Amino acid sequence: MSAQPRDPANDATQARSATANTGTTNATDLLLQGRITGADNQTYRELRFQVPPGTARIEVEFDYDRSDKTTIDLGLIGPGDFLGRDGFRGWSGGNKRRFTVAAADATASYSPGALTPGTWKLLLGIPNIRAGRDAAYSARIRLTLAAQADAVPQQDAEPLRNEAGWYRGDLHMHSAHSDGNCSAQSGARTPCPLFLTAKAASEAGLDFVAVTEHNTVSHLPALRELQPHFDRLLLIPGMEITTFQGHANVFGVRAPVDFRVGSAAVPDWNAVLGELRRRGLPVSINHPIRPSDERCMGCGWTPHPAADMNLVSMVEAVNGGDADTPGSGIAFWQRELDAGHRLTGVGGSDNHDAPTADEEPFGPSRIGRPTTVVHARELSQAGILDALRAGNVFVDTFGSRDRLLELQARHGTDVAVMGGELKVPAGQRASVRVQVRNLVGGRIEATLDGVKAGLIARPQVSAAQQSFDFDWPSDGRRHWLRIDVRDAQGRLALVGNPVYFNWR
């Protein structure tokens, strides 16, 4: 097009803005409205708005009257010169009506980067409006401040599935954005594109994955690009905080995390955990009892001083294929439960090779093996992360698509499921029910306060769907009880989370 931009003074008369109170000091909503006429055909218009210091994200939702083949294209310009560092930020033309831009991620068509304060411009291109016609447009712009840098953008908050149920996922994996690699067309080993990770997870029948690259958020734009395509697979942004004193996953991250534990800026792990708690992000300790030497530098959990476990939400009880090995995190997790910390046990493949995953240092580890199975209110980031915190979760170590473990304890009218708490006075009993699906020939194991307990008279699984009922006598003190299931070959197949008795 050869048309010149409109006079900004004219734009000011064509658009008006209003600030809406969002109920929080961390976001501002702007409404830009105006009209175009036939005289605007094949011209550009700039809608100006102010971005204050400390803005972490700009979200735009644009709409207009499309009658009589009217078309308006869309772009974004920062406060600098168009071709300068703080200028042009992207152009989606007519292919997107909603987009987001932040320091670490942006919708495809737009570039992530610092949000320099000043006058920004929503760029409208008008390839067609017929003579004698006019059309209204509106742009809703949300500005999120840095105090909520990890807030889920509005368009990302919509659930992929809106019903409660069990959802299956993998909470630990890597791609080319850290040390994931796979075979190129020639057979050579090359950094593995994130698309292959999402594709493999989808083919494995998973409902969600967390992509947890080492100490970086460079994968966030790729996740944003892929999510509309994978509309049945929730892609949760994560990071594996990788230090000389241990590794931990943080979920829902949308801004960098300072991982330099032992430096002047980050003296210890508690500094990291405290910052993540302030940001509202759940943390899971990874493979805690792995070696931490030249075999796997920094892999074991060795923080000094000791980490405040009250700032931790989860422990990776199963990493890859280690469920029945001395390298499993189950013993570490149970010690922390005994110490009074309510931590959700989860699993993750720690996958580094999406197509084959045959070269992991601790044995085969394919995407979705193990699977973390979560009972959530919906398939959304908030739904999954809230459910992980709540703890109605089990780990399917072999990544089946249909095995199920449910645990429920009842006393009077009070009921608790995995992750929940039940008060049972001394001398009284709780009624406990375990339900297992698709593990014929297997065996139920109960663990009470870290010790195997013969609470189930007949623990053999003889039907595709089977319930086991028993009573638990209370002494009035604090206890935790969880259930595992072994398969017909005696292998640990399902790892359950606890019900907590008299915990408070």
Protein backbone atom coordinates (compact mmCIF):
# COMPACT_ATOMS: atom_id res chain seq x y z
CA MET A 1 0.00 0.00 0.00
CA SER A 2 1.20 3.52 -0.75
CA ALA A 3 -1.09 5.46 1.58
CA GLN A 4 0.48 7.64 4.28
CA PRO A 5 -0.38 7.44 7.99
CA ARG A 6 -3.21 9.64 9.13
CA ASP A 7 -2.57 12.86 11.00
CA PRO A 8 -2.42 11.89 14.71
CA ALA A 9 -4.48 14.94 15.55
CA ASN A 10 -7.34 13.49 13.53
CA ASP A 11 -6.95 10.18 15.33
CA ALA A 12 -7.55 11.86 18.66
CA THR A 13 -10.96 12.97 17.45
CA GLN A 14 -11.81 9.52 16.15
CA ALA A 15 -11.02 7.48 19.27
CA ARG A 16 -11.83 7.90 22.92
CA SER A 17 -10.42 6.04 25.88
CA ALA A 18 -11.71 5.14 29.30
CA THR A 19 -10.11 3.47 32.31
CA ALA A 20 -12.11 0.80 34.11
CA ASN A 21 -11.57 -0.20 37.74
CA THR A 22 -10.69 -3.91 37.67
CA GLY A 23 -10.94 -4.38 41.43
CA THR A 24 -7.15 -4.67 41.69
CA THR A 25 -4.28 -2.20 41.60
CA ASN A 26 -2.34 -4.58 39.38
CA ALA A 27 -4.27 -4.14 36.13
CA THR A 28 -5.86 -1.33 34.17
CA ASP A 29 -8.45 -1.75 31.43
CA LEU A 30 -8.61 0.76 28.60
CA LEU A 31 -11.36 1.08 26.02
CA LEU A 32 -10.51 2.73 22.69
CA GLN A 33 -13.46 3.32 20.38
CA GLY A 34 -14.04 5.09 17.10
CA ARG A 35 -15.40 4.90 13.56
CA ILE A 36 -13.96 4.74 10.07
CA THR A 37 -15.61 5.87 6.84
CA GLY A 38 -15.16 5.31 3.14
CA ALA A 39 -12.63 8.15 3.16
CA ASP A 40 -10.34 5.95 5.27
CA ASN A 41 -10.03 3.25 2.62
CA GLN A 42 -6.43 2.06 2.22
CA THR A 43 -5.01 4.28 4.97
CA TYR A 44 -3.47 3.67 8.39
CA ARG A 45 -4.62 4.93 11.75
CA GLU A 46 -2.80 4.99 15.09
CA LEU A 47 -4.77 4.60 18.33
CA ARG A 48 -2.66 5.98 21.14
CA PHE A 49 -2.63 4.79 24.73
CA GLN A 50 -0.33 5.28 27.69
CA VAL A 51 1.76 2.47 29.17
CA PRO A 52 2.87 3.38 32.71
CA PRO A 53 6.21 2.37 34.27
CA GLY A 54 6.22 -1.16 35.66
CA THR A 55 3.80 -2.62 33.11
CA ALA A 56 4.43 -6.34 32.66
CA ARG A 57 1.93 -7.25 29.93
CA ILE A 58 -0.25 -5.65 27.27
CA GLU A 59 -3.34 -7.58 26.16
CA VAL A 60 -5.45 -6.42 23.24
CA GLU A 61 -8.89 -7.55 22.13
CA PHE A 62 -10.08 -5.81 18.95
CA ASP A 63 -13.42 -5.94 17.13
CA TYR A 64 -15.20 -3.98 14.44
CA ASP A 65 -18.22 -3.89 12.13
CA ARG A 66 -17.43 -6.24 9.23
CA SER A 67 -20.51 -5.52 7.12
CA ASP A 68 -20.11 -4.80 3.37
CA LYS A 69 -16.65 -6.42 3.37
CA THR A 70 -15.13 -3.78 5.64
CA THR A 71 -11.68 -5.00 6.79
CA ILE A 72 -9.35 -3.62 9.46
CA ASP A 73 -5.88 -5.04 10.03
CA LEU A 74 -3.97 -4.82 13.30
CA GLY A 75 -0.44 -4.08 14.57
CA LEU A 76 1.39 -2.58 17.55
CA ILE A 77 4.03 0.15 17.87
CA GLY A 78 5.99 1.07 21.00
CA PRO A 79 6.95 4.59 22.07
CA GLY A 80 10.12 4.77 19.97
CA ASP A 81 10.78 5.26 16.29
CA PHE A 82 9.02 2.70 14.08
CA LEU A 83 12.25 0.89 13.14
CA GLY A 84 14.02 1.64 16.42
CA ARG A 85 14.52 -0.55 19.46
CA ASP A 86 11.35 0.61 21.21
CA GLY A 87 9.21 0.89 18.08
CA PHE A 88 7.51 -1.73 15.93
CA ARG A 89 6.34 -4.77 17.95
CA GLY A 90 4.34 -6.76 15.41
CA TRP A 91 1.66 -7.01 12.77
CA SER A 92 -1.07 -9.64 12.66
CA GLY A 93 -3.08 -8.05 9.87
CA GLY A 94 -6.48 -9.68 9.79
CA ASN A 95 -5.49 -13.04 11.26
CA LYS A 96 -5.81 -12.26 15.00
CA ARG A 97 -8.25 -10.22 17.01
CA ARG A 98 -6.64 -10.97 20.39
CA PHE A 99 -2.98 -10.81 21.27
CA THR A 100 -0.65 -10.32 24.21
CA VAL A 101 2.85 -8.86 24.49
CA ALA A 102 5.18 -9.14 27.49
CA ALA A 103 8.89 -9.13 28.23
CA ALA A 104 9.27 -12.91 27.97
CA ASP A 105 6.47 -13.98 25.64
CA ALA A 106 4.13 -12.72 22.96
CA THR A 107 1.43 -14.01 20.67
CA ALA A 108 2.75 -15.21 17.31
CA SER A 109 3.01 -12.20 14.96
CA TYR A 110 4.32 -10.06 17.84
CA SER A 111 7.74 -9.74 19.48
CA PRO A 112 8.38 -10.12 23.21
CA GLY A 113 10.56 -7.56 24.92
CA ALA A 114 10.68 -4.78 27.48
CA LEU A 115 7.52 -2.69 27.70
CA THR A 116 9.02 0.79 27.68
CA PRO A 117 6.72 3.29 29.36
CA GLY A 118 5.25 6.02 27.22
CA THR A 119 2.79 6.46 24.38
CA TRP A 120 2.08 3.22 22.51
CA LYS A 121 -0.01 2.92 19.39
CA LEU A 122 -2.38 0.27 18.15
CA LEU A 123 -1.82 0.39 14.40
CA LEU A 124 -4.89 -0.04 12.22
CA GLY A 125 -4.56 -0.76 8.52
CA ILE A 126 -7.73 -0.35 6.48
CA PRO A 127 -7.45 -2.34 3.23
CA ASN A 128 -11.14 -2.01 2.45
CA ILE A 129 -14.18 0.06 3.33
CA ARG A 130 -16.63 0.98 0.60
CA ALA A 131 -17.39 4.54 -0.37
CA GLY A 132 -20.27 6.02 1.58
CA ARG A 133 -19.99 3.43 4.38
CA ASP A 134 -18.88 3.78 7.99
CA ALA A 135 -17.96 1.17 10.60
CA ALA A 136 -17.41 1.24 14.36
CA TYR A 137 -14.43 -0.38 16.06
CA SER A 138 -13.39 -0.99 19.67
CA ALA A 139 -10.14 -2.06 21.29
CA ARG A 140 -10.06 -3.34 24.86
CA ILE A 141 -6.56 -3.11 26.27
CA ARG A 142 -5.51 -4.61 29.61
CA LEU A 143 -2.27 -3.46 31.21
CA THR A 144 -0.97 -5.81 33.89
CA LEU A 145 1.63 -4.40 36.27
CA ALA A 146 4.83 -6.11 37.33
CA ALA A 147 3.37 -7.08 40.70
CA GLN A 148 1.49 -9.76 38.74
CA ALA A 149 4.04 -10.59 36.06
CA ASP A 150 2.97 -14.26 36.18
CA ALA A 151 -0.76 -13.55 35.90
CA VAL A 152 -2.46 -15.70 33.27
CA PRO A 153 -3.50 -13.56 30.27
CA GLN A 154 -7.25 -13.35 29.83
CA GLN A 155 -7.36 -15.37 26.62
CA ASP A 156 -5.21 -18.10 28.22
CA ALA A 157 -7.53 -18.41 31.22
CA GLU A 158 -10.31 -20.01 29.19
CA PRO A 159 -10.37 -23.75 29.97
CA LEU A 160 -9.82 -26.31 27.24
CA ARG A 161 -12.42 -28.45 29.00
CA ASN A 162 -14.94 -27.02 31.40
CA GLU A 163 -15.86 -30.08 33.45
CA ALA A 164 -14.46 -31.57 36.63
CA GLY A 165 -12.66 -34.90 36.38
CA TRP A 166 -9.36 -36.75 36.28
CA TYR A 167 -6.77 -35.21 33.94
CA ARG A 168 -3.52 -36.88 32.95
CA GLY A 169 -0.27 -35.04 32.40
CA ASP A 170 3.52 -34.87 32.51
CA LEU A 171 5.15 -32.22 34.72
CA HIS A 172 8.80 -32.39 33.64
CA MET A 173 10.30 -32.19 30.13
CA HIS A 174 12.88 -30.39 28.01
CA SER A 175 13.31 -29.27 24.42
CA ALA A 176 15.82 -27.30 22.34
CA HIS A 177 15.28 -24.38 24.69
CA SER A 178 17.52 -26.22 27.16
CA ASP A 179 19.22 -29.60 26.70
CA GLY A 180 16.58 -31.58 24.82
CA ASN A 181 17.90 -33.19 21.66
CA CYS A 182 16.72 -35.69 19.07
CA SER A 183 17.63 -37.08 15.66
CA ALA A 184 17.71 -34.74 12.68
CA GLN A 185 16.71 -35.86 9.19
CA SER A 186 20.28 -37.05 8.65
CA GLY A 187 20.32 -38.96 11.92
CA ALA A 188 22.62 -36.49 13.66
CA ARG A 189 21.74 -35.37 17.18
CA THR A 190 20.37 -31.83 17.19
CA PRO A 191 18.37 -29.59 19.55
CA CYS A 192 14.81 -30.92 19.57
CA PRO A 193 12.02 -28.54 18.45
CA LEU A 194 9.34 -27.91 21.05
CA PHE A 195 6.67 -28.87 18.54
CA LEU A 196 7.83 -32.49 18.70
CA THR A 197 7.38 -32.49 22.47
CA ALA A 198 3.80 -31.25 22.18
CA LYS A 199 3.07 -33.68 19.36
CA ALA A 200 4.42 -36.65 21.33
CA ALA A 201 2.43 -35.63 24.41
CA SER A 202 -0.74 -35.36 22.36
CA GLU A 203 -0.16 -38.76 20.78
CA ALA A 204 0.38 -40.21 24.28
CA GLY A 205 -3.17 -39.15 25.15
CA LEU A 206 -2.15 -36.58 27.76
CA ASP A 207 -4.39 -33.71 28.79
CA PHE A 208 -1.62 -31.37 29.97
CA VAL A 209 2.14 -30.98 30.09
CA ALA A 210 4.47 -28.56 31.84
CA VAL A 211 7.49 -27.64 29.74
CA THR A 212 10.26 -26.99 32.27
CA GLU A 213 13.43 -25.75 30.60
CA HIS A 214 16.59 -25.23 32.65
CA ASN A 215 16.80 -21.67 34.02
CA THR A 216 15.15 -20.02 31.02
CA VAL A 217 11.80 -18.78 29.77
CA SER A 218 12.83 -18.61 26.12
CA HIS A 219 10.22 -21.28 25.33
CA LEU A 220 7.24 -19.13 26.34
CA PRO A 221 6.65 -17.61 22.87
CA ALA A 222 6.76 -21.10 21.35
CA LEU A 223 4.19 -22.35 23.86
CA ARG A 224 1.96 -19.41 23.04
CA GLU A 225 2.30 -20.20 19.33
CA LEU A 226 1.55 -23.90 19.78
CA GLN A 227 -1.38 -23.69 22.21
CA PRO A 228 -4.10 -22.77 19.66
CA HIS A 229 -3.07 -25.74 17.52
CA PHE A 230 -3.01 -28.18 20.45
CA ASP A 231 -6.51 -27.32 21.61
CA ARG A 232 -6.92 -30.58 23.55
CA LEU A 233 -3.51 -30.41 25.28
CA LEU A 234 -2.91 -27.75 27.92
CA LEU A 235 0.64 -26.36 27.67
CA ILE A 236 1.73 -25.06 31.08
CA PRO A 237 4.79 -22.77 31.15
CA GLY A 238 7.41 -23.96 33.62
CA MET A 239 11.07 -23.74 34.50
CA GLU A 240 13.46 -26.18 36.11
CA ILE A 241 15.43 -24.04 38.52
CA THR A 242 18.80 -25.72 38.17
CA THR A 243 21.39 -24.93 40.84
CA PHE A 244 24.53 -26.39 42.36
CA GLN A 245 22.39 -27.37 45.38
CA GLY A 246 19.47 -29.08 43.71
CA HIS A 247 16.75 -28.72 41.08
CA ALA A 248 13.09 -27.73 41.40
CA ASN A 249 10.29 -27.10 38.94
CA VAL A 250 8.20 -23.96 39.13
CA PHE A 251 4.87 -23.99 37.28
CA GLY A 252 2.94 -21.11 35.71
CA VAL A 253 6.03 -18.93 35.35
CA ARG A 254 5.82 -16.07 32.83
CA ALA A 255 8.87 -14.06 33.84
CA PRO A 256 12.49 -15.03 34.61
CA VAL A 257 13.54 -16.46 37.96
CA ASP A 258 16.94 -15.62 39.43
CA PHE A 259 18.45 -19.09 39.87
CA ARG A 260 21.93 -18.06 41.07
CA VAL A 261 21.77 -19.78 44.46
CA GLY A 262 24.97 -19.10 46.39
CA SER A 263 25.54 -15.69 44.82
CA ALA A 264 25.31 -12.30 46.52
CA ALA A 265 21.97 -11.71 44.78
CA VAL A 266 20.51 -15.11 45.76
CA PRO A 267 22.26 -16.30 48.90
CA ASP A 268 20.31 -19.52 49.38
CA TRP A 269 17.33 -21.57 48.23
CA ASN A 270 15.04 -19.83 50.70
CA ALA A 271 15.54 -16.59 48.81
CA VAL A 272 14.27 -18.31 45.65
CA LEU A 273 11.39 -20.07 47.40
CA GLY A 274 10.30 -16.89 49.16
CA GLU A 275 10.24 -14.95 45.91
CA LEU A 276 8.21 -17.67 44.17
CA ARG A 277 5.74 -17.72 47.07
CA ARG A 278 5.31 -13.96 46.68
CA ARG A 279 4.69 -14.52 42.98
CA GLY A 280 2.07 -17.16 43.75
CA LEU A 281 3.87 -19.96 41.88
CA PRO A 282 3.96 -23.59 43.10
CA VAL A 283 7.34 -25.33 43.40
CA SER A 284 8.18 -29.04 43.14
CA ILE A 285 11.54 -30.47 44.26
CA ASN A 286 12.94 -32.69 41.51
CA HIS A 287 14.70 -36.09 41.84
CA PRO A 288 15.77 -35.19 45.41
CA ILE A 289 18.04 -38.14 46.23
CA ARG A 290 19.89 -38.41 42.95
CA PRO A 291 23.67 -38.12 43.16
CA SER A 292 25.03 -34.59 43.21
CA ASP A 293 28.54 -35.07 41.86
CA GLU A 294 30.22 -35.54 38.50
CA ARG A 295 27.64 -38.17 37.55
CA CYS A 296 24.83 -35.63 37.81
CA MET A 297 26.13 -32.24 38.91
CA GLY A 298 23.73 -30.51 41.29
CA CYS A 299 20.96 -33.06 40.71
CA GLY A 300 20.43 -34.09 44.34
CA TRP A 301 18.62 -31.83 46.81
CA THR A 302 21.42 -30.43 49.01
CA PRO A 303 20.45 -26.85 49.98
CA HIS A 304 22.54 -25.11 52.61
CA PRO A 305 21.18 -23.77 54.80
CA ALA A 306 18.23 -26.17 54.78
CA ALA A 307 15.29 -25.05 52.68
CA ASP A 308 12.05 -24.04 54.37
CA MET A 309 9.79 -26.86 53.20
CA ASN A 310 6.73 -24.80 54.09
CA LEU A 311 7.52 -22.84 50.92
CA VAL A 312 7.40 -26.00 48.76
CA SER A 313 4.19 -27.43 47.28
CA MET A 314 5.29 -30.75 45.72
CA VAL A 315 7.98 -33.41 45.54
CA GLU A 316 8.79 -35.37 42.40
CA ALA A 317 8.25 -38.80 43.93
CA VAL A 318 8.79 -40.54 40.58
CA ASN A 319 11.21 -39.33 37.91
CA GLY A 320 11.19 -41.27 34.67
CA GLY A 321 11.42 -44.99 35.33
CA ASP A 322 12.80 -44.81 38.88
CA ALA A 323 9.64 -45.75 40.86
CA ASP A 324 11.03 -49.06 42.17
CA THR A 325 14.67 -48.02 42.46
CA PRO A 326 16.85 -46.49 45.20
CA GLY A 327 16.88 -43.28 43.14
CA SER A 328 13.16 -42.69 43.60
CA GLY A 329 12.05 -39.62 45.53
CA ILE A 330 9.39 -41.54 47.46
CA ALA A 331 11.52 -42.03 50.59
CA PHE A 332 12.48 -38.34 50.66
CA TRP A 333 8.85 -37.34 50.21
CA GLN A 334 7.68 -39.61 53.03
CA ARG A 335 10.35 -38.26 55.41
CA GLU A 336 9.04 -34.76 54.78
CA LEU A 337 5.46 -35.93 55.37
CA ASP A 338 6.60 -37.43 58.68
CA ALA A 339 8.17 -34.08 59.55
CA GLY A 340 4.76 -32.43 59.20
CA HIS A 341 4.95 -30.97 55.70
CA ARG A 342 1.92 -31.45 53.46
CA LEU A 343 3.49 -32.00 50.06
CA THR A 344 1.85 -33.41 46.95
CA GLY A 345 3.76 -36.31 45.43
CA VAL A 346 3.97 -36.00 41.64
CA GLY A 347 5.80 -37.59 38.72
CA GLY A 348 7.56 -36.38 35.62
CA SER A 349 9.27 -38.03 32.68
CA ASP A 350 12.21 -35.57 32.65
CA ASN A 351 12.13 -36.22 28.93
CA HIS A 352 14.96 -34.87 26.76
CA ASP A 353 14.16 -36.62 23.48
CA ALA A 354 10.56 -36.30 22.34
CA PRO A 355 10.45 -38.96 19.59
CA THR A 356 12.35 -41.83 21.22
CA ALA A 357 13.66 -40.96 24.69
CA ASP A 358 15.99 -43.96 24.70
CA GLU A 359 19.08 -42.23 26.02
CA GLU A 360 18.15 -40.90 29.44
CA PRO A 361 20.95 -41.32 32.03
CA PHE A 362 18.68 -43.15 34.47
CA GLY A 363 16.86 -45.45 32.08
CA PRO A 364 14.09 -45.06 29.50
CA SER A 365 11.86 -42.07 30.11
CA ARG A 366 9.18 -41.34 27.54
CA ILE A 367 6.78 -38.43 27.64
CA GLY A 368 3.91 -39.34 29.94
CA ARG A 369 5.86 -42.04 31.71
CA PRO A 370 5.15 -41.51 34.52
CA THR A 371 1.85 -39.66 34.27
CA THR A 372 0.63 -37.39 37.03
CA VAL A 373 -3.15 -37.82 37.29
CA VAL A 374 -4.99 -34.88 38.85
CA HIS A 375 -8.61 -34.41 39.84
CA ALA A 376 -9.32 -30.83 38.76
CA ARG A 377 -12.40 -28.66 38.40
CA GLU A 378 -11.47 -27.92 34.75
CA LEU A 379 -8.66 -28.29 32.23
CA SER A 380 -7.00 -24.89 32.61
CA GLN A 381 -3.75 -23.73 34.11
CA ALA A 382 -5.48 -22.45 37.24
CA GLY A 383 -7.54 -25.64 37.49
CA ILE A 384 -4.55 -27.97 37.22
CA LEU A 385 -2.23 -25.98 39.52
CA ASP A 386 -4.92 -25.57 42.18
CA ALA A 387 -5.58 -29.31 42.03
CA LEU A 388 -1.88 -30.11 42.36
CA ARG A 389 -1.71 -27.93 45.46
CA ALA A 390 -4.83 -29.60 46.88
CA GLY A 391 -3.29 -33.06 46.41
CA ASN A 392 -6.07 -35.25 45.00
CA VAL A 393 -3.39 -36.73 42.78
CA PHE A 394 -1.77 -40.06 41.98
CA VAL A 395 1.17 -41.09 39.83
CA ASP A 396 0.68 -43.69 37.10
CA THR A 397 4.25 -44.93 36.81
CA PHE A 398 3.80 -46.69 33.45
CA GLY A 399 1.73 -43.92 31.91
CA SER A 400 -1.41 -45.92 31.17
CA ARG A 401 -4.42 -44.13 29.79
CA ASP A 402 -7.04 -45.82 31.95
CA ARG A 403 -5.75 -46.85 35.37
CA LEU A 404 -7.38 -45.12 38.31
CA LEU A 405 -6.81 -44.83 42.06
CA GLU A 406 -9.22 -43.12 44.43
CA LEU A 407 -8.99 -42.84 48.21
CA GLN A 408 -11.73 -41.55 50.50
CA ALA A 409 -11.88 -41.43 54.30
CA ARG A 410 -15.10 -40.69 56.18
CA HIS A 411 -15.96 -39.88 59.77
CA GLY A 412 -19.59 -39.07 60.38
CA THR A 413 -20.60 -36.58 57.72
CA ASP A 414 -17.03 -35.41 57.08
CA VAL A 415 -15.19 -36.78 54.04
CA ALA A 416 -11.60 -36.38 52.87
CA VAL A 417 -10.01 -37.50 49.61
CA MET A 418 -6.29 -37.59 48.77
CA GLY A 419 -4.71 -34.35 49.92
CA GLY A 420 -7.55 -33.69 52.34
CA GLU A 421 -7.75 -33.73 56.11
CA LEU A 422 -10.09 -35.55 58.49
CA LYS A 423 -10.47 -35.06 62.23
CA VAL A 424 -11.05 -38.35 64.07
CA PRO A 425 -11.07 -38.20 67.89
CA ALA A 426 -9.15 -40.78 69.91
CA GLY A 427 -10.98 -44.08 70.27
CA GLN A 428 -13.09 -43.53 67.16
CA ARG A 429 -12.68 -44.92 63.65
CA ALA A 430 -12.59 -43.56 60.13
CA SER A 431 -14.15 -45.57 57.31
CA VAL A 432 -11.74 -45.77 54.38
CA ARG A 433 -12.57 -46.77 50.81
CA VAL A 434 -10.03 -47.40 48.03
CA GLN A 435 -11.16 -47.77 44.43
CA VAL A 436 -8.87 -49.20 41.74
CA ARG A 437 -9.46 -49.59 38.03
CA ASN A 438 -7.69 -51.70 35.38
CA LEU A 439 -5.06 -53.47 37.48
CA VAL A 440 -6.38 -57.04 37.61
CA GLY A 441 -3.90 -59.33 39.34
CA GLY A 442 -2.37 -56.46 41.27
CA ARG A 443 -2.14 -55.79 44.98
CA ILE A 444 -3.05 -52.84 47.23
CA GLU A 445 -0.45 -51.54 49.69
CA ALA A 446 -1.27 -49.15 52.54
CA THR A 447 1.43 -46.90 54.04
CA LEU A 448 0.77 -45.27 57.42
CA ASP A 449 3.30 -42.65 58.57
CA GLY A 450 5.94 -44.10 56.24
CA VAL A 451 5.48 -47.74 57.30
CA LYS A 452 3.66 -50.46 55.35
CA ALA A 453 0.49 -51.31 57.24
CA GLY A 454 -1.66 -54.44 56.92
CA LEU A 455 -4.94 -52.56 57.04
CA ILE A 456 -6.58 -54.37 54.11
CA ALA A 457 -7.51 -57.99 54.82
CA ARG A 458 -7.69 -59.02 51.16
CA PRO A 459 -5.50 -56.65 49.12
CA GLN A 460 -5.54 -58.62 45.84
CA VAL A 461 -7.15 -56.90 42.83
CA SER A 462 -9.39 -59.41 41.07
CA ALA A 463 -11.69 -57.22 38.96
CA ALA A 464 -11.30 -54.44 36.39
CA GLN A 465 -13.02 -52.10 38.82
CA GLN A 466 -12.84 -52.93 42.50
CA SER A 467 -13.42 -51.26 45.88
CA PHE A 468 -11.62 -52.04 49.15
CA ASP A 469 -13.13 -50.96 52.49
CA PHE A 470 -11.51 -50.92 55.91
CA ASP A 471 -11.59 -49.00 59.20
CA TRP A 472 -8.76 -46.93 60.61
CA PRO A 473 -8.67 -46.61 64.44
CA SER A 474 -7.62 -43.18 65.68
CA ASP A 475 -5.48 -42.37 68.72
CA GLY A 476 -6.28 -38.67 68.32
CA ARG A 477 -2.78 -37.80 67.13
CA ARG A 478 -1.54 -36.66 63.73
CA HIS A 479 -1.11 -39.32 61.02
CA TRP A 480 -1.06 -39.67 57.27
CA LEU A 481 -2.23 -42.62 55.18
CA ARG A 482 -1.67 -43.28 51.52
CA ILE A 483 -2.22 -46.16 49.08
CA ASP A 484 0.00 -47.67 46.37
CA VAL A 485 -0.93 -50.38 43.87
CA ARG A 486 1.41 -52.97 42.41
CA ASP A 487 0.63 -54.73 39.14
CA ALA A 488 0.41 -58.46 38.47
CA GLN A 489 4.21 -58.60 38.04
CA GLY A 490 4.76 -56.95 41.42
CA ARG A 491 5.89 -53.63 39.94
CA LEU A 492 4.86 -50.34 41.53
CA ALA A 493 2.11 -49.12 39.19
CA LEU A 494 0.17 -46.41 41.03
CA VAL A 495 1.49 -44.11 43.76
CA GLY A 496 -1.19 -42.38 45.80
CA ASN A 497 -1.15 -39.18 47.86
CA PRO A 498 -2.08 -39.13 51.55
CA VAL A 499 -5.20 -38.44 53.50
CA TYR A 500 -4.21 -36.51 56.63
CA PHE A 501 -5.73 -37.34 60.03
CA ASN A 502 -5.87 -34.77 62.86
CA TRP A 503 -3.26 -32.71 61.08
CA ARG A 504 -4.07 -29.38 62.70
